[in-house]
Amino acid sequence: MQNQDYHGNSNLMDAKSASRALLDFWLENGVSVPPIEPIPRNPAPKTADKPIVKQISTAKYAAPIDGQNLAIDLAKTAKTLDELRDILNDFDGCNLKKNAPQMVFSDGQIDAKIMVIGEAPGQEEAQIGKPFVGAAGKFLDEMLASIGLSREKNVYITNTVNWRPPANRTPTRDEIAICLPFLMRHIELKAPKMLILVGGTAANAVLNSNEGITKLRKKPHKLELAGLEPIDVFCLFHPAFLLRYPVQKSLTWKDLLTIEAQIKTMGLLE
């Protein structure tokens, strides 16, 4: 019996290690995993999903970090997108800037009613100075083209973080906290009618949410910012994740069709 207990515990530890490794792999590839919630004894009857309205707050990322208060103050001073770009170019409060080739601001059409937000620049993006130009970017272009969208005609693209994290790692909470005031000002100045949030990092930051992208992509959302009409928000799996797990492309295709239907309903391409 003692040997059986020993081997049982060993197998349990191996299983836990394997599960932890799998979880870490998913997190590294843009998929946030929500906490497991207990099932109530008498669950309430399920009701139809309603749009979730988010009044943006930086509370989730409010940490005592150098540069955040300065970022908040500076972001408020930008009156145009060009001014915001210049402020970011001169900003030294984010540690990512030290090793990044350059700041990556945006790409696409200034007058577009649809704004796409990703995570952070990769190596190719950092070299060229535009978001989503690598393999994942090319796949994103294909995804958008499938519903009549393109950065050359009717889409504006940016990232949550404007500098490339070393080795393309996921931005830290502190890095997101510093960049978030600039991102929210970016949205305010751009004033889109629709936001498409690509990947868990962008979705969590903009919606101030702890839910995983797997859940967020299933729900309708709206974002409320001062001075703007509520903005329709949709969440998608990151194209880098889809390239690694093509089996999830069918879910993304359904998400894209939902976005396309809403675009038609709102008349955004007319």
C-alpha atoms as a PDB file:
ATOM      1  CA  MET A   1       0.000   0.000   0.000  1.00  0.00           C
ATOM      2  CA  GLN A   2       2.845   2.372   0.745  1.00  0.00           C
ATOM      3  CA  ASN A   3       4.328   1.844  -2.744  1.00  0.00           C
ATOM      4  CA  GLN A   4       0.949   2.400  -4.353  1.00  0.00           C
ATOM      5  CA  ASP A   5       0.495   5.690  -2.482  1.00  0.00           C
ATOM      6  CA  TYR A   6       3.955   6.816  -3.517  1.00  0.00           C
ATOM      7  CA  HIS A   7       3.379   6.094  -7.202  1.00  0.00           C
ATOM      8  CA  GLY A   8      -0.072   7.639  -7.033  1.00  0.00           C
ATOM      9  CA  ASN A   9       1.320  10.864  -5.647  1.00  0.00           C
ATOM     10  CA  SER A  10       4.070  10.841  -8.274  1.00  0.00           C
ATOM     11  CA  ASN A  11       1.565  10.427 -11.077  1.00  0.00           C
ATOM     12  CA  LEU A  12      -0.528  13.233  -9.600  1.00  0.00           C
ATOM     13  CA  MET A  13       2.482  15.550  -9.527  1.00  0.00           C
ATOM     14  CA  ASP A  14       3.324  14.652 -13.151  1.00  0.00           C
ATOM     15  CA  ALA A  15      -0.240  15.449 -14.183  1.00  0.00           C
ATOM     16  CA  LYS A  16      -0.142  18.779 -12.372  1.00  0.00           C
ATOM     17  CA  SER A  17       3.170  19.668 -13.992  1.00  0.00           C
ATOM     18  CA  ALA A  18       1.848  18.792 -17.437  1.00  0.00           C
ATOM     19  CA  SER A  19      -1.294  20.843 -16.844  1.00  0.00           C
ATOM     20  CA  ARG A  20       0.747  23.803 -15.646  1.00  0.00           C
ATOM     21  CA  ALA A  21       2.987  23.599 -18.718  1.00  0.00           C
ATOM     22  CA  LEU A  22      -0.048  23.517 -21.019  1.00  0.00           C
ATOM     23  CA  LEU A  23      -1.622  26.476 -19.219  1.00  0.00           C
ATOM     24  CA  ASP A  24       1.605  28.492 -19.500  1.00  0.00           C
ATOM     25  CA  PHE A  25       1.802  27.693 -23.223  1.00  0.00           C
ATOM     26  CA  TRP A  26      -1.738  28.972 -23.827  1.00  0.00           C
ATOM     27  CA  LEU A  27      -1.097  32.117 -21.812  1.00  0.00           C
ATOM     28  CA  GLU A  28       2.069  32.817 -23.785  1.00  0.00           C
ATOM     29  CA  ASN A  29       0.069  32.636 -27.016  1.00  0.00           C
ATOM     30  CA  GLY A  30      -2.537  35.220 -26.179  1.00  0.00           C
ATOM     31  CA  VAL A  31      -5.242  33.193 -24.465  1.00  0.00           C
ATOM     32  CA  SER A  32      -6.257  34.330 -20.990  1.00  0.00           C
ATOM     33  CA  VAL A  33      -7.729  31.671 -18.724  1.00  0.00           C
ATOM     34  CA  PRO A  34     -10.519  32.868 -16.417  1.00  0.00           C
ATOM     35  CA  PRO A  35     -10.697  31.663 -12.817  1.00  0.00           C
ATOM     36  CA  ILE A  36     -12.847  28.618 -12.099  1.00  0.00           C
ATOM     37  CA  GLU A  37     -16.012  29.679 -10.335  1.00  0.00           C
ATOM     38  CA  PRO A  38     -17.984  27.338  -8.057  1.00  0.00           C
ATOM     39  CA  ILE A  39     -21.287  26.072  -9.419  1.00  0.00           C
ATOM     40  CA  PRO A  40     -24.179  27.353  -7.243  1.00  0.00           C
ATOM     41  CA  ARG A  41     -26.524  24.778  -5.712  1.00  0.00           C
ATOM     42  CA  ASN A  42     -29.540  26.488  -7.230  1.00  0.00           C
ATOM     43  CA  PRO A  43     -28.290  28.242 -10.358  1.00  0.00           C
ATOM     44  CA  ALA A  44     -30.383  31.110 -11.667  1.00  0.00           C
ATOM     45  CA  PRO A  45     -32.142  30.494 -14.993  1.00  0.00           C
ATOM     46  CA  LYS A  46     -30.015  31.478 -17.959  1.00  0.00           C
ATOM     47  CA  THR A  47     -31.055  34.641 -19.762  1.00  0.00           C
ATOM     48  CA  ALA A  48     -30.111  35.954 -23.185  1.00  0.00           C
ATOM     49  CA  ASP A  49     -26.823  37.826 -23.399  1.00  0.00           C
ATOM     50  CA  LYS A  50     -27.120  41.611 -23.339  1.00  0.00           C
ATOM     51  CA  PRO A  51     -24.465  44.088 -24.410  1.00  0.00           C
ATOM     52  CA  ILE A  52     -22.025  44.705 -21.574  1.00  0.00           C
ATOM     53  CA  VAL A  53     -21.355  48.403 -21.180  1.00  0.00           C
ATOM     54  CA  LYS A  54     -17.912  49.233 -19.842  1.00  0.00           C
ATOM     55  CA  GLN A  55     -17.142  52.642 -18.355  1.00  0.00           C
ATOM     56  CA  ILE A  56     -13.389  52.483 -18.719  1.00  0.00           C
ATOM     57  CA  SER A  57     -11.207  52.648 -15.645  1.00  0.00           C
ATOM     58  CA  THR A  58      -7.521  51.969 -15.134  1.00  0.00           C
ATOM     59  CA  ALA A  59      -8.177  50.436 -11.708  1.00  0.00           C
ATOM     60  CA  LYS A  60      -7.237  46.939 -12.866  1.00  0.00           C
ATOM     61  CA  TYR A  61      -3.784  48.202 -13.771  1.00  0.00           C
ATOM     62  CA  ALA A  62      -3.414  50.832 -11.032  1.00  0.00           C
ATOM     63  CA  ALA A  63       0.020  50.026  -9.633  1.00  0.00           C
ATOM     64  CA  PRO A  64       2.649  52.252  -8.003  1.00  0.00           C
ATOM     65  CA  ILE A  65       4.902  52.332 -11.035  1.00  0.00           C
ATOM     66  CA  ASP A  66       7.154  55.044 -12.414  1.00  0.00           C
ATOM     67  CA  GLY A  67       5.716  56.806 -15.406  1.00  0.00           C
ATOM     68  CA  GLN A  68       2.033  55.989 -15.012  1.00  0.00           C
ATOM     69  CA  ASN A  69       0.941  59.315 -13.542  1.00  0.00           C
ATOM     70  CA  LEU A  70       3.032  61.116 -16.142  1.00  0.00           C
ATOM     71  CA  ALA A  71       1.411  59.047 -18.893  1.00  0.00           C
ATOM     72  CA  ILE A  72      -2.060  59.981 -17.645  1.00  0.00           C
ATOM     73  CA  ASP A  73      -1.201  63.681 -17.585  1.00  0.00           C
ATOM     74  CA  LEU A  74       0.524  63.666 -20.969  1.00  0.00           C
ATOM     75  CA  ALA A  75      -2.224  61.700 -22.697  1.00  0.00           C
ATOM     76  CA  LYS A  76      -4.782  64.315 -21.682  1.00  0.00           C
ATOM     77  CA  THR A  77      -2.806  67.062 -23.413  1.00  0.00           C
ATOM     78  CA  ALA A  78      -3.005  65.459 -26.876  1.00  0.00           C
ATOM     79  CA  LYS A  79      -5.617  67.209 -29.017  1.00  0.00           C
ATOM     80  CA  THR A  80      -4.928  65.320 -32.252  1.00  0.00           C
ATOM     81  CA  LEU A  81      -3.531  61.947 -33.286  1.00  0.00           C
ATOM     82  CA  ASP A  82      -0.377  63.654 -34.545  1.00  0.00           C
ATOM     83  CA  GLU A  83       0.134  65.272 -31.153  1.00  0.00           C
ATOM     84  CA  LEU A  84      -0.393  61.910 -29.442  1.00  0.00           C
ATOM     85  CA  ARG A  85       2.176  60.303 -31.743  1.00  0.00           C
ATOM     86  CA  ASP A  86       4.708  63.034 -30.897  1.00  0.00           C
ATOM     87  CA  ILE A  87       4.060  62.662 -27.169  1.00  0.00           C
ATOM     88  CA  LEU A  88       4.624  58.915 -27.363  1.00  0.00           C
ATOM     89  CA  ASN A  89       7.819  59.385 -29.361  1.00  0.00           C
ATOM     90  CA  ASP A  90       9.195  61.648 -26.630  1.00  0.00           C
ATOM     91  CA  PHE A  91       7.875  59.596 -23.694  1.00  0.00           C
ATOM     92  CA  ASP A  92      10.583  57.816 -21.662  1.00  0.00           C
ATOM     93  CA  GLY A  93       8.399  56.399 -18.892  1.00  0.00           C
ATOM     94  CA  CYS A  94       8.071  52.882 -20.314  1.00  0.00           C
ATOM     95  CA  ASN A  95      11.017  50.524 -19.905  1.00  0.00           C
ATOM     96  CA  LEU A  96      10.224  48.841 -23.229  1.00  0.00           C
ATOM     97  CA  LYS A  97      11.438  51.901 -25.109  1.00  0.00           C
ATOM     98  CA  LYS A  98      15.050  51.294 -24.025  1.00  0.00           C
ATOM     99  CA  ASN A  99      15.472  48.217 -26.249  1.00  0.00           C
ATOM    100  CA  ALA A 100      12.826  48.794 -28.928  1.00  0.00           C
ATOM    101  CA  PRO A 101      13.976  49.963 -32.394  1.00  0.00           C
ATOM    102  CA  GLN A 102      11.147  52.516 -32.525  1.00  0.00           C
ATOM    103  CA  MET A 103       7.683  53.363 -31.331  1.00  0.00           C
ATOM    104  CA  VAL A 104       4.870  51.753 -33.337  1.00  0.00           C
ATOM    105  CA  PHE A 105       1.807  53.998 -33.509  1.00  0.00           C
ATOM    106  CA  SER A 106      -0.739  52.956 -36.134  1.00  0.00           C
ATOM    107  CA  ASP A 107      -1.552  51.970 -39.693  1.00  0.00           C
ATOM    108  CA  GLY A 108      -4.610  52.230 -41.902  1.00  0.00           C
ATOM    109  CA  GLN A 109      -7.143  54.911 -42.647  1.00  0.00           C
ATOM    110  CA  ILE A 110      -7.448  57.962 -40.403  1.00  0.00           C
ATOM    111  CA  ASP A 111     -11.140  58.384 -41.246  1.00  0.00           C
ATOM    112  CA  ALA A 112     -12.029  54.697 -40.781  1.00  0.00           C
ATOM    113  CA  LYS A 113     -15.036  53.984 -38.567  1.00  0.00           C
ATOM    114  CA  ILE A 114     -13.580  50.623 -37.498  1.00  0.00           C
ATOM    115  CA  MET A 115     -10.529  50.455 -35.235  1.00  0.00           C
ATOM    116  CA  VAL A 116      -8.550  47.252 -34.631  1.00  0.00           C
ATOM    117  CA  ILE A 117      -6.383  46.937 -31.511  1.00  0.00           C
ATOM    118  CA  GLY A 118      -3.771  44.231 -31.021  1.00  0.00           C
ATOM    119  CA  GLU A 119      -1.288  43.402 -28.284  1.00  0.00           C
ATOM    120  CA  ALA A 120       2.214  44.767 -29.004  1.00  0.00           C
ATOM    121  CA  PRO A 121       4.647  45.066 -31.906  1.00  0.00           C
ATOM    122  CA  GLY A 122       6.694  42.036 -32.874  1.00  0.00           C
ATOM    123  CA  GLN A 123      10.162  42.100 -34.391  1.00  0.00           C
ATOM    124  CA  GLU A 124       9.034  42.950 -37.924  1.00  0.00           C
ATOM    125  CA  GLU A 125       6.560  45.554 -36.690  1.00  0.00           C
ATOM    126  CA  ALA A 126       9.258  47.214 -34.585  1.00  0.00           C
ATOM    127  CA  GLN A 127      11.630  47.380 -37.551  1.00  0.00           C
ATOM    128  CA  ILE A 128       9.071  48.720 -40.015  1.00  0.00           C
ATOM    129  CA  GLY A 129       7.166  50.912 -37.567  1.00  0.00           C
ATOM    130  CA  LYS A 130       3.676  49.587 -38.352  1.00  0.00           C
ATOM    131  CA  PRO A 131       1.416  47.181 -36.447  1.00  0.00           C
ATOM    132  CA  PHE A 132       0.572  43.707 -37.766  1.00  0.00           C
ATOM    133  CA  VAL A 133       2.997  43.353 -40.671  1.00  0.00           C
ATOM    134  CA  GLY A 134       4.500  39.937 -39.834  1.00  0.00           C
ATOM    135  CA  ALA A 135       2.979  36.502 -40.416  1.00  0.00           C
ATOM    136  CA  ALA A 136       0.209  37.147 -37.896  1.00  0.00           C
ATOM    137  CA  GLY A 137      -0.440  40.503 -39.524  1.00  0.00           C
ATOM    138  CA  LYS A 138      -0.809  38.972 -42.946  1.00  0.00           C
ATOM    139  CA  PHE A 139      -3.288  36.479 -41.547  1.00  0.00           C
ATOM    140  CA  LEU A 140      -5.171  39.313 -39.844  1.00  0.00           C
ATOM    141  CA  ASP A 141      -5.395  41.045 -43.237  1.00  0.00           C
ATOM    142  CA  GLU A 142      -6.921  37.849 -44.667  1.00  0.00           C
ATOM    143  CA  MET A 143      -9.389  37.629 -41.791  1.00  0.00           C
ATOM    144  CA  LEU A 144     -10.499  41.226 -42.308  1.00  0.00           C
ATOM    145  CA  ALA A 145     -10.647  40.849 -46.089  1.00  0.00           C
ATOM    146  CA  SER A 146     -13.089  37.947 -45.695  1.00  0.00           C
ATOM    147  CA  ILE A 147     -15.699  40.449 -44.476  1.00  0.00           C
ATOM    148  CA  GLY A 148     -14.767  43.333 -46.762  1.00  0.00           C
ATOM    149  CA  LEU A 149     -12.314  45.164 -44.498  1.00  0.00           C
ATOM    150  CA  SER A 150      -8.754  46.307 -45.150  1.00  0.00           C
ATOM    151  CA  ARG A 151      -6.262  48.791 -43.785  1.00  0.00           C
ATOM    152  CA  GLU A 152      -6.002  50.255 -47.285  1.00  0.00           C
ATOM    153  CA  LYS A 153      -9.700  51.211 -47.367  1.00  0.00           C
ATOM    154  CA  ASN A 154     -11.715  51.180 -44.173  1.00  0.00           C
ATOM    155  CA  VAL A 155      -9.779  50.021 -41.078  1.00  0.00           C
ATOM    156  CA  TYR A 156      -7.438  51.747 -38.628  1.00  0.00           C
ATOM    157  CA  ILE A 157      -5.009  49.577 -36.610  1.00  0.00           C
ATOM    158  CA  THR A 158      -2.993  50.100 -33.442  1.00  0.00           C
ATOM    159  CA  ASN A 159      -1.715  48.135 -30.420  1.00  0.00           C
ATOM    160  CA  THR A 160      -2.214  48.138 -26.666  1.00  0.00           C
ATOM    161  CA  VAL A 161       1.527  48.652 -26.129  1.00  0.00           C
ATOM    162  CA  ASN A 162       3.557  50.791 -28.532  1.00  0.00           C
ATOM    163  CA  TRP A 163       7.007  49.248 -28.056  1.00  0.00           C
ATOM    164  CA  ARG A 164       8.162  45.709 -28.706  1.00  0.00           C
ATOM    165  CA  PRO A 165       8.648  43.574 -25.563  1.00  0.00           C
ATOM    166  CA  PRO A 166      11.953  41.631 -25.598  1.00  0.00           C
ATOM    167  CA  ALA A 167      11.705  38.251 -27.359  1.00  0.00           C
ATOM    168  CA  ASN A 168       8.074  39.063 -28.238  1.00  0.00           C
ATOM    169  CA  ARG A 169       6.946  38.192 -24.721  1.00  0.00           C
ATOM    170  CA  THR A 170       3.548  39.262 -23.417  1.00  0.00           C
ATOM    171  CA  PRO A 171       3.590  42.804 -21.967  1.00  0.00           C
ATOM    172  CA  THR A 172       3.599  42.922 -18.181  1.00  0.00           C
ATOM    173  CA  ARG A 173       0.793  44.476 -16.150  1.00  0.00           C
ATOM    174  CA  ASP A 174       3.019  47.459 -15.361  1.00  0.00           C
ATOM    175  CA  GLU A 175       3.859  48.001 -19.036  1.00  0.00           C
ATOM    176  CA  ILE A 176       0.179  47.862 -19.947  1.00  0.00           C
ATOM    177  CA  ALA A 177      -0.647  50.257 -17.093  1.00  0.00           C
ATOM    178  CA  ILE A 178       1.790  52.845 -18.435  1.00  0.00           C
ATOM    179  CA  CYS A 179       0.582  52.550 -22.032  1.00  0.00           C
ATOM    180  CA  LEU A 180      -3.145  52.327 -21.262  1.00  0.00           C
ATOM    181  CA  PRO A 181      -3.752  56.094 -20.830  1.00  0.00           C
ATOM    182  CA  PHE A 182      -2.246  56.660 -24.277  1.00  0.00           C
ATOM    183  CA  LEU A 183      -4.384  53.888 -25.773  1.00  0.00           C
ATOM    184  CA  MET A 184      -7.596  55.263 -24.288  1.00  0.00           C
ATOM    185  CA  ARG A 185      -6.734  58.751 -25.552  1.00  0.00           C
ATOM    186  CA  HIS A 186      -5.973  57.159 -28.934  1.00  0.00           C
ATOM    187  CA  ILE A 187      -9.505  55.747 -28.995  1.00  0.00           C
ATOM    188  CA  GLU A 188     -11.027  59.051 -27.881  1.00  0.00           C
ATOM    189  CA  LEU A 189      -9.235  61.013 -30.602  1.00  0.00           C
ATOM    190  CA  LYS A 190      -9.969  58.419 -33.284  1.00  0.00           C
ATOM    191  CA  ALA A 191     -13.633  58.171 -32.171  1.00  0.00           C
ATOM    192  CA  PRO A 192     -14.445  54.900 -34.004  1.00  0.00           C
ATOM    193  CA  LYS A 193     -17.933  53.462 -34.257  1.00  0.00           C
ATOM    194  CA  MET A 194     -16.613  49.923 -33.729  1.00  0.00           C
ATOM    195  CA  LEU A 195     -13.630  48.371 -31.979  1.00  0.00           C
ATOM    196  CA  ILE A 196     -12.222  44.943 -32.822  1.00  0.00           C
ATOM    197  CA  LEU A 197      -9.967  43.733 -30.005  1.00  0.00           C
ATOM    198  CA  VAL A 198      -7.512  41.079 -31.146  1.00  0.00           C
ATOM    199  CA  GLY A 199      -6.255  38.730 -28.439  1.00  0.00           C
ATOM    200  CA  GLY A 200      -6.599  38.546 -24.668  1.00  0.00           C
ATOM    201  CA  THR A 201      -4.192  41.375 -23.831  1.00  0.00           C
ATOM    202  CA  ALA A 202      -6.096  43.962 -25.861  1.00  0.00           C
ATOM    203  CA  ALA A 203      -9.495  42.689 -24.735  1.00  0.00           C
ATOM    204  CA  ASN A 204      -8.597  42.710 -21.036  1.00  0.00           C
ATOM    205  CA  ALA A 205      -6.958  46.143 -21.195  1.00  0.00           C
ATOM    206  CA  VAL A 206      -9.682  47.988 -23.121  1.00  0.00           C
ATOM    207  CA  LEU A 207     -12.623  46.296 -21.387  1.00  0.00           C
ATOM    208  CA  ASN A 208     -10.914  46.358 -17.976  1.00  0.00           C
ATOM    209  CA  SER A 209     -11.760  42.678 -17.668  1.00  0.00           C
ATOM    210  CA  ASN A 210     -10.272  39.571 -16.086  1.00  0.00           C
ATOM    211  CA  GLU A 211     -12.202  37.173 -18.304  1.00  0.00           C
ATOM    212  CA  GLY A 212     -10.396  35.092 -20.893  1.00  0.00           C
ATOM    213  CA  ILE A 213     -10.620  35.825 -24.589  1.00  0.00           C
ATOM    214  CA  THR A 214     -12.526  32.550 -25.053  1.00  0.00           C
ATOM    215  CA  LYS A 215     -15.393  34.015 -23.022  1.00  0.00           C
ATOM    216  CA  LEU A 216     -15.085  37.623 -24.153  1.00  0.00           C
ATOM    217  CA  ARG A 217     -15.386  36.727 -27.834  1.00  0.00           C
ATOM    218  CA  LYS A 218     -18.819  35.213 -27.179  1.00  0.00           C
ATOM    219  CA  LYS A 219     -20.373  38.337 -25.708  1.00  0.00           C
ATOM    220  CA  PRO A 220     -21.547  41.668 -27.115  1.00  0.00           C
ATOM    221  CA  HIS A 221     -19.782  44.641 -25.534  1.00  0.00           C
ATOM    222  CA  LYS A 222     -19.977  48.402 -25.592  1.00  0.00           C
ATOM    223  CA  LEU A 223     -17.355  50.882 -24.451  1.00  0.00           C
ATOM    224  CA  GLU A 224     -18.320  54.243 -23.000  1.00  0.00           C
ATOM    225  CA  LEU A 225     -15.836  57.110 -23.078  1.00  0.00           C
ATOM    226  CA  ALA A 226     -16.439  60.730 -22.165  1.00  0.00           C
ATOM    227  CA  GLY A 227     -17.665  62.778 -25.101  1.00  0.00           C
ATOM    228  CA  LEU A 228     -18.336  59.789 -27.368  1.00  0.00           C
ATOM    229  CA  GLU A 229     -21.342  57.686 -28.216  1.00  0.00           C
ATOM    230  CA  PRO A 230     -21.061  54.116 -26.854  1.00  0.00           C
ATOM    231  CA  ILE A 231     -18.722  52.128 -29.093  1.00  0.00           C
ATOM    232  CA  ASP A 232     -19.578  48.608 -30.279  1.00  0.00           C
ATOM    233  CA  VAL A 233     -16.810  46.187 -29.290  1.00  0.00           C
ATOM    234  CA  PHE A 234     -15.993  42.708 -30.592  1.00  0.00           C
ATOM    235  CA  CYS A 235     -13.204  40.378 -29.470  1.00  0.00           C
ATOM    236  CA  LEU A 236     -11.305  37.874 -31.611  1.00  0.00           C
ATOM    237  CA  PHE A 237      -8.642  35.253 -31.047  1.00  0.00           C
ATOM    238  CA  HIS A 238      -5.212  36.601 -31.944  1.00  0.00           C
ATOM    239  CA  PRO A 239      -4.108  35.513 -35.454  1.00  0.00           C
ATOM    240  CA  ALA A 240      -0.819  34.199 -33.999  1.00  0.00           C
ATOM    241  CA  PHE A 241      -2.860  31.850 -31.822  1.00  0.00           C
ATOM    242  CA  LEU A 242      -4.962  30.777 -34.812  1.00  0.00           C
ATOM    243  CA  LEU A 243      -1.839  29.985 -36.827  1.00  0.00           C
ATOM    244  CA  ARG A 244      -0.731  27.668 -34.027  1.00  0.00           C
ATOM    245  CA  TYR A 245      -4.199  26.196 -33.478  1.00  0.00           C
ATOM    246  CA  PRO A 246      -6.008  26.229 -36.842  1.00  0.00           C
ATOM    247  CA  VAL A 247      -8.815  24.149 -35.369  1.00  0.00           C
ATOM    248  CA  GLN A 248     -10.065  27.393 -33.761  1.00  0.00           C
ATOM    249  CA  LYS A 249     -10.414  29.136 -37.119  1.00  0.00           C
ATOM    250  CA  SER A 250     -14.002  27.912 -37.489  1.00  0.00           C
ATOM    251  CA  LEU A 251     -14.983  29.774 -34.309  1.00  0.00           C
ATOM    252  CA  THR A 252     -13.253  32.908 -35.564  1.00  0.00           C
ATOM    253  CA  TRP A 253     -15.076  32.649 -38.875  1.00  0.00           C
ATOM    254  CA  LYS A 254     -18.373  32.701 -36.974  1.00  0.00           C
ATOM    255  CA  ASP A 255     -17.146  35.721 -34.996  1.00  0.00           C
ATOM    256  CA  LEU A 256     -16.228  37.500 -38.209  1.00  0.00           C
ATOM    257  CA  LEU A 257     -19.684  36.854 -39.659  1.00  0.00           C
ATOM    258  CA  THR A 258     -21.215  38.367 -36.514  1.00  0.00           C
ATOM    259  CA  ILE A 259     -19.008  41.443 -36.964  1.00  0.00           C
ATOM    260  CA  GLU A 260     -19.939  41.669 -40.643  1.00  0.00           C
ATOM    261  CA  ALA A 261     -23.648  41.560 -39.815  1.00  0.00           C
ATOM    262  CA  GLN A 262     -23.254  44.364 -37.260  1.00  0.00           C
ATOM    263  CA  ILE A 263     -21.243  46.462 -39.717  1.00  0.00           C
ATOM    264  CA  LYS A 264     -24.106  46.150 -42.214  1.00  0.00           C
ATOM    265  CA  THR A 265     -26.700  46.944 -39.559  1.00  0.00           C
ATOM    266  CA  MET A 266     -24.792  50.094 -38.558  1.00  0.00           C
ATOM    267  CA  GLY A 267     -24.049  51.051 -42.149  1.00  0.00           C
ATOM    268  CA  LEU A 268     -20.360  51.567 -41.378  1.00  0.00           C
ATOM    269  CA  LEU A 269     -19.129  50.943 -44.932  1.00  0.00           C
ATOM    270  CA  GLU A 270     -21.678  53.107 -46.699  1.00  0.00           C
END
